[in-house]
Amino acid sequence: MRLKPETRIMGIDDGSFNKDDDETIIIGVIFRGGYWIDGLVSTYIKIDGMDATDNLIEMITGCKYKDLRIIMLSGVTFGGFNVVDIERLSKETGLPVVVVIERKPDLEDIVNAVKNVHGHEERIRCMERAGEVYMGENGIYFQVHGISEDLARKVIRKTSTHSNIPEPLRVSHIIASGISRGEASKR
C-alpha cells in the first residue's frame, strides 16, 4: 500500500458511560490523512458485551466512503471489556487495522480484570490475537493487523498533526466524549 497525503483513514473511539448504562456510542471519523474530516459514522455497543466486532464491521462496510484504506482503533476494548477481534475486523472489511494505545498495557492486570466478565476466555483470545505491542514515538504504543509495523509507524507519524495521538483518533475521542457527556475533552 502506498501512503498518500490524503489517504482515507477511519479513526474509531467509544464514548463515556456510567455503571448503570447498557450501551455506549462508538464514533468513526473519516479523515483524509491527518488534516481533513470527510465524514462521521456511529453505532452502539453493549457495555461489557460481545458485539463490538460485529457492530464495527457493519458500521464500516455500511459506510458510504468506499475508498477507506486504514482503520485506526483507540485500543482493542470498547465499552468496558467489549473486545474487538482485529484479525476478523481486518479480514471482513478488507482493510488493515492499526490499534493505538496511549500507555503501555499491563497485560497481566488486563487479563485478571477480564476474568471477572462473562465470556472472558473468548475476550482473552481476541486480545492475544491482536498480536505484538510495538513501542511508537512520543510514548504511544500500537498493534497491527494487515499492515506492516513500518507502514503503521508512518501512518501514525503522518496523521499525528496536532498531538501524539493521530488526528482520526483524537477527533473521534472528542466527538464521542461530547456526545456521551455533553462536553468535549481535550486529548
N, C-alpha and C. Protein backbone atom coordinates (compact mmCIF):
# COMPACT_ATOMS: atom_id res chain seq x y z
N MET A 1 0.84 -1.17 0.00
CA MET A 1 0.00 0.00 0.00
C MET A 1 0.89 1.24 0.00
N ARG A 2 0.55 2.17 -0.86
CA ARG A 2 1.26 3.45 -0.91
C ARG A 2 0.51 4.45 -0.04
N LEU A 3 1.23 5.14 0.81
CA LEU A 3 0.62 6.10 1.71
C LEU A 3 0.64 7.49 1.08
N LYS A 4 -0.53 7.93 0.66
CA LYS A 4 -0.66 9.26 0.06
C LYS A 4 -1.03 10.26 1.16
N PRO A 5 -0.78 11.55 0.93
CA PRO A 5 -1.13 12.55 1.95
C PRO A 5 -2.62 12.57 2.29
N GLU A 6 -3.47 12.18 1.33
CA GLU A 6 -4.91 12.23 1.56
C GLU A 6 -5.53 10.85 1.69
N THR A 7 -4.75 9.87 2.12
CA THR A 7 -5.27 8.52 2.33
C THR A 7 -6.42 8.58 3.33
N ARG A 8 -7.54 7.94 2.98
CA ARG A 8 -8.71 7.96 3.87
C ARG A 8 -8.54 6.94 4.98
N ILE A 9 -8.64 7.43 6.21
CA ILE A 9 -8.46 6.63 7.43
C ILE A 9 -9.67 6.85 8.32
N MET A 10 -10.21 5.76 8.87
CA MET A 10 -11.29 5.90 9.83
C MET A 10 -10.73 5.68 11.23
N GLY A 11 -10.85 6.69 12.08
CA GLY A 11 -10.45 6.59 13.48
C GLY A 11 -11.67 6.29 14.33
N ILE A 12 -11.57 5.31 15.21
CA ILE A 12 -12.73 4.84 15.98
C ILE A 12 -12.43 4.89 17.48
N ASP A 13 -13.37 5.48 18.23
CA ASP A 13 -13.28 5.52 19.69
C ASP A 13 -14.68 5.44 20.26
N ASP A 14 -14.76 5.08 21.54
CA ASP A 14 -16.06 4.97 22.20
C ASP A 14 -16.32 6.16 23.08
N GLY A 15 -17.59 6.34 23.43
CA GLY A 15 -17.98 7.40 24.35
C GLY A 15 -17.87 6.95 25.79
N SER A 16 -18.06 7.89 26.67
CA SER A 16 -18.06 7.59 28.11
C SER A 16 -19.36 6.89 28.48
N PHE A 17 -19.34 6.22 29.62
CA PHE A 17 -20.55 5.56 30.09
C PHE A 17 -20.49 5.45 31.60
N ASN A 18 -21.65 5.23 32.19
CA ASN A 18 -21.77 5.02 33.64
C ASN A 18 -22.05 3.55 33.90
N LYS A 19 -21.86 3.12 35.14
CA LYS A 19 -22.11 1.73 35.51
C LYS A 19 -23.54 1.29 35.21
N ASP A 20 -24.48 2.23 35.26
CA ASP A 20 -25.89 1.90 35.02
C ASP A 20 -26.24 1.80 33.54
N ASP A 21 -25.36 2.25 32.65
CA ASP A 21 -25.64 2.25 31.22
C ASP A 21 -25.56 0.83 30.65
N ASP A 22 -26.42 0.57 29.68
CA ASP A 22 -26.41 -0.72 28.98
C ASP A 22 -25.52 -0.69 27.75
N GLU A 23 -25.38 0.51 27.16
CA GLU A 23 -24.62 0.63 25.93
C GLU A 23 -23.89 1.97 25.87
N THR A 24 -22.98 2.07 24.92
CA THR A 24 -22.26 3.32 24.68
C THR A 24 -22.12 3.53 23.19
N ILE A 25 -21.90 4.76 22.81
CA ILE A 25 -21.74 5.10 21.39
C ILE A 25 -20.31 4.84 20.93
N ILE A 26 -20.20 4.46 19.69
CA ILE A 26 -18.91 4.32 19.01
C ILE A 26 -18.93 5.32 17.86
N ILE A 27 -17.89 6.11 17.74
CA ILE A 27 -17.79 7.11 16.68
C ILE A 27 -16.64 6.73 15.75
N GLY A 28 -16.91 6.77 14.47
CA GLY A 28 -15.88 6.59 13.44
C GLY A 28 -15.76 7.88 12.65
N VAL A 29 -14.60 8.49 12.68
CA VAL A 29 -14.35 9.72 11.94
C VAL A 29 -13.48 9.39 10.74
N ILE A 30 -13.94 9.78 9.56
CA ILE A 30 -13.18 9.54 8.34
C ILE A 30 -12.34 10.78 8.06
N PHE A 31 -11.03 10.56 8.00
CA PHE A 31 -10.06 11.63 7.76
C PHE A 31 -9.35 11.37 6.45
N ARG A 32 -8.97 12.44 5.79
CA ARG A 32 -8.03 12.34 4.67
C ARG A 32 -6.69 12.74 5.24
N GLY A 33 -5.82 11.74 5.41
CA GLY A 33 -4.54 11.99 6.06
C GLY A 33 -4.77 12.43 7.49
N GLY A 34 -4.04 13.43 7.92
CA GLY A 34 -4.20 13.94 9.28
C GLY A 34 -4.76 15.34 9.29
N TYR A 35 -5.42 15.74 8.20
CA TYR A 35 -5.80 17.15 8.07
C TYR A 35 -7.28 17.43 7.86
N TRP A 36 -7.99 16.60 7.09
CA TRP A 36 -9.35 16.94 6.71
C TRP A 36 -10.34 15.87 7.15
N ILE A 37 -11.43 16.30 7.76
CA ILE A 37 -12.51 15.38 8.10
C ILE A 37 -13.40 15.26 6.87
N ASP A 38 -13.66 14.03 6.48
CA ASP A 38 -14.55 13.77 5.35
C ASP A 38 -15.92 13.29 5.78
N GLY A 39 -16.01 12.70 6.95
CA GLY A 39 -17.31 12.18 7.36
C GLY A 39 -17.27 11.59 8.75
N LEU A 40 -18.43 11.14 9.17
CA LEU A 40 -18.61 10.61 10.51
C LEU A 40 -19.65 9.51 10.46
N VAL A 41 -19.39 8.41 11.15
CA VAL A 41 -20.35 7.33 11.28
C VAL A 41 -20.43 6.94 12.75
N SER A 42 -21.49 6.25 13.11
CA SER A 42 -21.62 5.85 14.51
C SER A 42 -22.41 4.55 14.63
N THR A 43 -22.25 3.93 15.78
CA THR A 43 -23.02 2.75 16.14
C THR A 43 -23.04 2.69 17.66
N TYR A 44 -23.71 1.71 18.19
CA TYR A 44 -23.73 1.49 19.64
C TYR A 44 -23.29 0.07 19.93
N ILE A 45 -22.67 -0.11 21.09
CA ILE A 45 -22.30 -1.44 21.55
C ILE A 45 -22.74 -1.60 23.00
N LYS A 46 -22.88 -2.83 23.42
CA LYS A 46 -23.25 -3.12 24.81
C LYS A 46 -22.03 -2.98 25.72
N ILE A 47 -22.25 -2.42 26.90
CA ILE A 47 -21.18 -2.33 27.90
C ILE A 47 -20.81 -3.76 28.31
N ASP A 48 -19.53 -4.08 28.26
CA ASP A 48 -19.01 -5.41 28.58
C ASP A 48 -19.66 -6.51 27.74
N GLY A 49 -20.18 -6.13 26.58
CA GLY A 49 -20.82 -7.11 25.70
C GLY A 49 -19.82 -7.83 24.82
N MET A 50 -20.36 -8.48 23.80
CA MET A 50 -19.52 -9.23 22.85
C MET A 50 -19.86 -8.82 21.42
N ASP A 51 -20.38 -7.59 21.23
CA ASP A 51 -20.87 -7.18 19.92
C ASP A 51 -20.01 -6.12 19.22
N ALA A 52 -18.88 -5.75 19.80
CA ALA A 52 -18.07 -4.67 19.22
C ALA A 52 -17.58 -5.02 17.82
N THR A 53 -17.04 -6.21 17.63
CA THR A 53 -16.50 -6.58 16.32
C THR A 53 -17.60 -6.57 15.27
N ASP A 54 -18.72 -7.22 15.56
CA ASP A 54 -19.84 -7.26 14.60
C ASP A 54 -20.34 -5.86 14.27
N ASN A 55 -20.53 -5.03 15.28
CA ASN A 55 -21.07 -3.70 15.04
C ASN A 55 -20.10 -2.80 14.29
N LEU A 56 -18.80 -2.94 14.57
CA LEU A 56 -17.81 -2.16 13.81
C LEU A 56 -17.77 -2.61 12.36
N ILE A 57 -17.81 -3.91 12.11
CA ILE A 57 -17.82 -4.41 10.73
C ILE A 57 -19.02 -3.84 9.99
N GLU A 58 -20.18 -3.89 10.60
CA GLU A 58 -21.40 -3.36 9.97
C GLU A 58 -21.28 -1.85 9.73
N MET A 59 -20.74 -1.12 10.70
CA MET A 59 -20.60 0.33 10.56
C MET A 59 -19.64 0.66 9.41
N ILE A 60 -18.52 -0.05 9.34
CA ILE A 60 -17.51 0.24 8.33
C ILE A 60 -17.97 -0.18 6.94
N THR A 61 -18.51 -1.38 6.80
CA THR A 61 -18.93 -1.85 5.48
C THR A 61 -20.17 -1.12 4.98
N GLY A 62 -20.95 -0.57 5.90
CA GLY A 62 -22.14 0.20 5.51
C GLY A 62 -21.85 1.67 5.25
N CYS A 63 -20.64 2.07 5.46
CA CYS A 63 -20.22 3.46 5.28
C CYS A 63 -20.21 3.83 3.80
N LYS A 64 -20.63 5.04 3.47
CA LYS A 64 -20.67 5.46 2.07
C LYS A 64 -19.28 5.73 1.49
N TYR A 65 -18.28 5.85 2.35
CA TYR A 65 -16.91 6.09 1.88
C TYR A 65 -16.27 4.76 1.52
N LYS A 66 -16.31 4.41 0.27
CA LYS A 66 -15.83 3.11 -0.18
C LYS A 66 -14.33 3.11 -0.44
N ASP A 67 -13.68 4.26 -0.32
CA ASP A 67 -12.24 4.30 -0.57
C ASP A 67 -11.43 4.45 0.71
N LEU A 68 -11.97 3.90 1.80
CA LEU A 68 -11.20 3.85 3.04
C LEU A 68 -9.99 2.95 2.82
N ARG A 69 -8.88 3.29 3.45
CA ARG A 69 -7.67 2.49 3.28
C ARG A 69 -7.16 1.89 4.58
N ILE A 70 -7.48 2.52 5.72
CA ILE A 70 -6.97 2.06 7.01
C ILE A 70 -8.01 2.31 8.09
N ILE A 71 -8.09 1.38 9.03
CA ILE A 71 -8.92 1.55 10.23
C ILE A 71 -7.96 1.77 11.39
N MET A 72 -8.23 2.78 12.22
CA MET A 72 -7.45 3.01 13.44
C MET A 72 -8.40 2.87 14.62
N LEU A 73 -7.97 2.11 15.60
CA LEU A 73 -8.76 1.93 16.82
C LEU A 73 -8.02 2.52 18.00
N SER A 74 -8.76 3.07 18.93
CA SER A 74 -8.20 3.55 20.18
C SER A 74 -8.25 2.39 21.17
N GLY A 75 -7.29 1.47 21.07
CA GLY A 75 -7.29 0.27 21.89
C GLY A 75 -8.13 -0.83 21.27
N VAL A 76 -8.14 -2.00 21.90
CA VAL A 76 -8.95 -3.11 21.41
C VAL A 76 -10.19 -3.35 22.26
N THR A 77 -10.32 -2.62 23.37
CA THR A 77 -11.51 -2.77 24.20
C THR A 77 -12.32 -1.48 24.16
N PHE A 78 -13.61 -1.64 23.99
CA PHE A 78 -14.55 -0.52 23.99
C PHE A 78 -15.67 -0.85 24.96
N GLY A 79 -16.30 0.15 25.50
CA GLY A 79 -17.43 -0.10 26.40
C GLY A 79 -17.08 -1.08 27.49
N GLY A 80 -16.02 -0.78 28.22
CA GLY A 80 -15.55 -1.70 29.26
C GLY A 80 -14.69 -2.76 28.63
N PHE A 81 -15.17 -4.01 28.65
CA PHE A 81 -14.41 -5.12 28.08
C PHE A 81 -15.10 -5.75 26.88
N ASN A 82 -15.66 -4.92 26.01
CA ASN A 82 -16.21 -5.39 24.75
C ASN A 82 -15.04 -5.37 23.76
N VAL A 83 -14.41 -6.52 23.59
CA VAL A 83 -13.14 -6.62 22.87
C VAL A 83 -13.36 -6.76 21.36
N VAL A 84 -12.56 -6.00 20.60
CA VAL A 84 -12.60 -6.09 19.14
C VAL A 84 -11.59 -7.14 18.68
N ASP A 85 -12.05 -8.05 17.86
CA ASP A 85 -11.17 -9.03 17.23
C ASP A 85 -10.60 -8.36 15.98
N ILE A 86 -9.38 -7.79 16.09
CA ILE A 86 -8.85 -7.01 14.98
C ILE A 86 -8.51 -7.88 13.77
N GLU A 87 -8.20 -9.14 14.01
CA GLU A 87 -7.94 -10.06 12.90
C GLU A 87 -9.20 -10.22 12.05
N ARG A 88 -10.32 -10.45 12.71
CA ARG A 88 -11.60 -10.61 12.00
C ARG A 88 -12.06 -9.29 11.39
N LEU A 89 -11.86 -8.19 12.11
CA LEU A 89 -12.23 -6.87 11.60
C LEU A 89 -11.50 -6.59 10.29
N SER A 90 -10.21 -6.86 10.26
CA SER A 90 -9.41 -6.64 9.06
C SER A 90 -9.88 -7.55 7.91
N LYS A 91 -10.08 -8.81 8.22
CA LYS A 91 -10.47 -9.78 7.20
C LYS A 91 -11.83 -9.43 6.59
N GLU A 92 -12.81 -9.12 7.43
CA GLU A 92 -14.17 -8.92 6.93
C GLU A 92 -14.40 -7.54 6.30
N THR A 93 -13.54 -6.58 6.61
CA THR A 93 -13.66 -5.26 5.96
C THR A 93 -12.68 -5.14 4.79
N GLY A 94 -11.68 -6.03 4.75
CA GLY A 94 -10.66 -5.95 3.73
C GLY A 94 -9.69 -4.80 3.94
N LEU A 95 -9.62 -4.29 5.18
CA LEU A 95 -8.78 -3.13 5.49
C LEU A 95 -7.78 -3.46 6.59
N PRO A 96 -6.59 -2.86 6.52
CA PRO A 96 -5.65 -3.03 7.62
C PRO A 96 -6.12 -2.29 8.85
N VAL A 97 -5.71 -2.79 10.01
CA VAL A 97 -6.10 -2.19 11.29
C VAL A 97 -4.84 -1.80 12.06
N VAL A 98 -4.85 -0.56 12.55
CA VAL A 98 -3.79 -0.06 13.42
C VAL A 98 -4.45 0.30 14.74
N VAL A 99 -4.00 -0.32 15.82
CA VAL A 99 -4.53 -0.04 17.15
C VAL A 99 -3.53 0.85 17.87
N VAL A 100 -3.97 2.01 18.33
CA VAL A 100 -3.10 2.94 19.04
C VAL A 100 -3.46 2.92 20.51
N ILE A 101 -2.43 2.80 21.34
CA ILE A 101 -2.60 2.69 22.79
C ILE A 101 -1.76 3.80 23.43
N GLU A 102 -2.38 4.59 24.30
CA GLU A 102 -1.67 5.74 24.88
C GLU A 102 -0.63 5.36 25.93
N ARG A 103 -0.85 4.26 26.63
CA ARG A 103 0.11 3.82 27.65
C ARG A 103 0.39 2.34 27.45
N LYS A 104 1.58 1.93 27.82
CA LYS A 104 1.92 0.51 27.66
C LYS A 104 0.94 -0.32 28.49
N PRO A 105 0.26 -1.25 27.84
CA PRO A 105 -0.71 -2.06 28.57
C PRO A 105 -0.04 -3.07 29.49
N ASP A 106 -0.59 -3.23 30.67
CA ASP A 106 -0.13 -4.26 31.60
C ASP A 106 -1.05 -5.46 31.36
N LEU A 107 -0.60 -6.35 30.49
CA LEU A 107 -1.44 -7.45 30.05
C LEU A 107 -1.89 -8.35 31.19
N GLU A 108 -1.04 -8.54 32.18
CA GLU A 108 -1.42 -9.37 33.32
C GLU A 108 -2.59 -8.74 34.08
N ASP A 109 -2.53 -7.45 34.33
CA ASP A 109 -3.64 -6.75 35.01
C ASP A 109 -4.92 -6.80 34.18
N ILE A 110 -4.78 -6.62 32.87
CA ILE A 110 -5.96 -6.64 32.00
C ILE A 110 -6.61 -8.02 32.01
N VAL A 111 -5.81 -9.06 31.88
CA VAL A 111 -6.34 -10.43 31.89
C VAL A 111 -7.02 -10.72 33.22
N ASN A 112 -6.43 -10.30 34.32
CA ASN A 112 -7.06 -10.52 35.64
C ASN A 112 -8.39 -9.80 35.74
N ALA A 113 -8.48 -8.59 35.20
CA ALA A 113 -9.74 -7.83 35.24
C ALA A 113 -10.79 -8.48 34.33
N VAL A 114 -10.37 -8.93 33.15
CA VAL A 114 -11.30 -9.54 32.21
C VAL A 114 -11.90 -10.83 32.77
N LYS A 115 -11.16 -11.51 33.62
CA LYS A 115 -11.66 -12.77 34.20
C LYS A 115 -12.93 -12.58 35.01
N ASN A 116 -13.25 -11.32 35.36
CA ASN A 116 -14.47 -11.03 36.11
C ASN A 116 -15.69 -10.83 35.21
N VAL A 117 -15.49 -10.93 33.90
CA VAL A 117 -16.57 -10.69 32.94
C VAL A 117 -16.95 -12.00 32.26
N HIS A 118 -18.26 -12.19 32.06
CA HIS A 118 -18.76 -13.39 31.37
C HIS A 118 -18.10 -13.52 30.00
N GLY A 119 -17.73 -14.73 29.63
CA GLY A 119 -17.11 -14.97 28.33
C GLY A 119 -15.67 -14.53 28.25
N HIS A 120 -15.00 -14.53 29.41
CA HIS A 120 -13.64 -13.99 29.45
C HIS A 120 -12.65 -14.77 28.59
N GLU A 121 -12.89 -16.07 28.38
CA GLU A 121 -11.95 -16.85 27.57
C GLU A 121 -11.85 -16.29 26.15
N GLU A 122 -12.99 -16.03 25.52
CA GLU A 122 -13.00 -15.50 24.16
C GLU A 122 -12.43 -14.09 24.11
N ARG A 123 -12.71 -13.29 25.11
CA ARG A 123 -12.16 -11.93 25.16
C ARG A 123 -10.63 -11.97 25.23
N ILE A 124 -10.10 -12.87 26.05
CA ILE A 124 -8.64 -13.00 26.18
C ILE A 124 -8.04 -13.48 24.87
N ARG A 125 -8.70 -14.43 24.20
CA ARG A 125 -8.20 -14.92 22.91
C ARG A 125 -8.15 -13.78 21.88
N CYS A 126 -9.17 -12.93 21.87
CA CYS A 126 -9.17 -11.78 20.94
C CYS A 126 -8.02 -10.84 21.24
N MET A 127 -7.76 -10.59 22.52
CA MET A 127 -6.65 -9.71 22.89
C MET A 127 -5.32 -10.33 22.49
N GLU A 128 -5.20 -11.63 22.65
CA GLU A 128 -3.95 -12.31 22.27
C GLU A 128 -3.76 -12.28 20.75
N ARG A 129 -4.86 -12.44 19.98
CA ARG A 129 -4.77 -12.41 18.52
C ARG A 129 -4.39 -11.02 18.00
N ALA A 130 -4.57 -9.99 18.82
CA ALA A 130 -4.19 -8.63 18.40
C ALA A 130 -2.69 -8.52 18.18
N GLY A 131 -1.95 -9.44 18.74
CA GLY A 131 -0.53 -9.52 18.43
C GLY A 131 0.37 -8.64 19.28
N GLU A 132 1.58 -8.53 18.78
CA GLU A 132 2.63 -7.81 19.49
C GLU A 132 2.29 -6.34 19.68
N VAL A 133 2.69 -5.81 20.85
CA VAL A 133 2.54 -4.39 21.13
C VAL A 133 3.89 -3.73 20.84
N TYR A 134 3.87 -2.81 19.88
CA TYR A 134 5.09 -2.11 19.48
C TYR A 134 5.17 -0.76 20.18
N MET A 135 6.38 -0.35 20.51
CA MET A 135 6.57 0.99 21.07
C MET A 135 6.69 1.97 19.91
N GLY A 136 5.83 2.98 19.95
CA GLY A 136 5.87 4.02 18.93
C GLY A 136 6.66 5.21 19.42
N GLU A 137 6.47 6.31 18.74
CA GLU A 137 7.16 7.55 19.12
C GLU A 137 6.35 8.28 20.18
N ASN A 138 7.03 9.12 20.93
CA ASN A 138 6.39 10.00 21.90
C ASN A 138 5.54 9.27 22.93
N GLY A 139 5.96 8.07 23.31
CA GLY A 139 5.30 7.37 24.40
C GLY A 139 4.03 6.62 24.06
N ILE A 140 3.67 6.52 22.78
CA ILE A 140 2.49 5.73 22.45
C ILE A 140 2.92 4.33 22.01
N TYR A 141 1.97 3.42 21.99
CA TYR A 141 2.19 2.04 21.60
C TYR A 141 1.17 1.69 20.53
N PHE A 142 1.44 0.62 19.79
CA PHE A 142 0.48 0.24 18.76
C PHE A 142 0.57 -1.24 18.43
N GLN A 143 -0.53 -1.73 17.84
CA GLN A 143 -0.63 -3.10 17.34
C GLN A 143 -1.14 -3.02 15.91
N VAL A 144 -0.91 -4.06 15.14
CA VAL A 144 -1.30 -4.02 13.73
C VAL A 144 -1.87 -5.35 13.28
N HIS A 145 -2.69 -5.27 12.24
CA HIS A 145 -3.11 -6.45 11.51
C HIS A 145 -3.37 -6.03 10.07
N GLY A 146 -2.76 -6.77 9.12
CA GLY A 146 -2.95 -6.47 7.71
C GLY A 146 -2.09 -5.33 7.20
N ILE A 147 -1.14 -4.89 7.99
CA ILE A 147 -0.25 -3.80 7.63
C ILE A 147 1.08 -4.05 8.35
N SER A 148 2.16 -3.64 7.73
CA SER A 148 3.46 -3.86 8.36
C SER A 148 3.68 -2.89 9.52
N GLU A 149 4.55 -3.28 10.41
CA GLU A 149 4.91 -2.39 11.52
C GLU A 149 5.47 -1.08 10.99
N ASP A 150 6.34 -1.14 9.98
CA ASP A 150 6.96 0.08 9.44
C ASP A 150 5.93 1.01 8.81
N LEU A 151 5.02 0.46 8.02
CA LEU A 151 4.00 1.31 7.40
C LEU A 151 3.06 1.89 8.46
N ALA A 152 2.73 1.10 9.47
CA ALA A 152 1.89 1.61 10.57
C ALA A 152 2.57 2.78 11.26
N ARG A 153 3.87 2.68 11.49
CA ARG A 153 4.62 3.80 12.08
C ARG A 153 4.50 5.06 11.23
N LYS A 154 4.62 4.89 9.91
CA LYS A 154 4.50 6.04 9.00
C LYS A 154 3.10 6.64 9.07
N VAL A 155 2.09 5.79 9.10
CA VAL A 155 0.70 6.26 9.18
C VAL A 155 0.50 7.05 10.47
N ILE A 156 0.96 6.51 11.58
CA ILE A 156 0.81 7.19 12.87
C ILE A 156 1.54 8.53 12.84
N ARG A 157 2.75 8.54 12.34
CA ARG A 157 3.55 9.77 12.27
C ARG A 157 2.86 10.82 11.40
N LYS A 158 2.40 10.42 10.21
CA LYS A 158 1.81 11.38 9.26
C LYS A 158 0.47 11.92 9.73
N THR A 159 -0.24 11.16 10.55
CA THR A 159 -1.57 11.61 11.00
C THR A 159 -1.55 12.26 12.37
N SER A 160 -0.41 12.26 13.05
CA SER A 160 -0.30 12.91 14.36
C SER A 160 0.11 14.36 14.16
N THR A 161 -0.83 15.14 13.66
CA THR A 161 -0.52 16.52 13.26
C THR A 161 -0.67 17.55 14.37
N HIS A 162 -1.48 17.27 15.39
CA HIS A 162 -1.72 18.25 16.46
C HIS A 162 -1.36 17.74 17.84
N SER A 163 -1.03 16.45 17.94
CA SER A 163 -0.65 15.87 19.23
C SER A 163 0.07 14.54 18.96
N ASN A 164 0.37 13.81 20.01
CA ASN A 164 0.99 12.48 19.85
C ASN A 164 -0.01 11.45 19.33
N ILE A 165 -1.28 11.77 19.45
CA ILE A 165 -2.34 10.86 19.02
C ILE A 165 -2.74 11.21 17.58
N PRO A 166 -2.87 10.22 16.70
CA PRO A 166 -3.30 10.51 15.33
C PRO A 166 -4.64 11.25 15.31
N GLU A 167 -4.74 12.22 14.41
CA GLU A 167 -5.96 13.04 14.32
C GLU A 167 -7.25 12.24 14.19
N PRO A 168 -7.30 11.19 13.38
CA PRO A 168 -8.57 10.45 13.31
C PRO A 168 -9.04 9.94 14.67
N LEU A 169 -8.10 9.54 15.52
CA LEU A 169 -8.46 9.06 16.86
C LEU A 169 -8.73 10.20 17.82
N ARG A 170 -7.92 11.24 17.74
CA ARG A 170 -8.11 12.39 18.63
C ARG A 170 -9.49 13.01 18.42
N VAL A 171 -9.87 13.17 17.16
CA VAL A 171 -11.16 13.79 16.86
C VAL A 171 -12.31 12.85 17.18
N SER A 172 -12.16 11.55 16.92
CA SER A 172 -13.24 10.62 17.27
C SER A 172 -13.46 10.60 18.79
N HIS A 173 -12.37 10.72 19.54
CA HIS A 173 -12.47 10.78 21.00
C HIS A 173 -13.21 12.05 21.45
N ILE A 174 -12.87 13.17 20.87
CA ILE A 174 -13.53 14.44 21.24
C ILE A 174 -15.02 14.37 20.93
N ILE A 175 -15.37 13.86 19.76
CA ILE A 175 -16.79 13.79 19.38
C ILE A 175 -17.53 12.79 20.25
N ALA A 176 -16.96 11.61 20.47
CA ALA A 176 -17.63 10.60 21.30
C ALA A 176 -17.82 11.11 22.73
N SER A 177 -16.81 11.81 23.27
CA SER A 177 -16.93 12.38 24.61
C SER A 177 -18.00 13.46 24.64
N GLY A 178 -18.02 14.29 23.62
CA GLY A 178 -19.01 15.36 23.55
C GLY A 178 -20.43 14.83 23.50
N ILE A 179 -20.63 13.78 22.73
CA ILE A 179 -21.97 13.20 22.61
C ILE A 179 -22.37 12.50 23.91
N SER A 180 -21.47 11.71 24.47
CA SER A 180 -21.83 10.90 25.64
C SER A 180 -21.87 11.70 26.93
N ARG A 181 -21.05 12.72 27.05
CA ARG A 181 -21.00 13.51 28.28
C ARG A 181 -21.61 14.89 28.14
N GLY A 182 -21.88 15.27 26.91
CA GLY A 182 -22.38 16.63 26.68
C GLY A 182 -21.28 17.66 26.72
N GLU A 183 -20.03 17.19 26.68
CA GLU A 183 -18.89 18.10 26.68
C GLU A 183 -17.75 17.42 25.95
N ALA A 184 -16.90 18.22 25.38
CA ALA A 184 -15.72 17.67 24.71
C ALA A 184 -14.52 17.80 25.62
N SER A 185 -13.67 16.81 25.59
CA SER A 185 -12.45 16.88 26.39
C SER A 185 -11.25 16.92 25.47
N LYS A 186 -10.27 17.70 25.86
CA LYS A 186 -9.05 17.78 25.06
C LYS A 186 -8.27 16.50 25.24
N ARG A 187 -7.50 16.19 24.24
CA ARG A 187 -6.65 15.00 24.33
C ARG A 187 -5.28 15.36 23.92
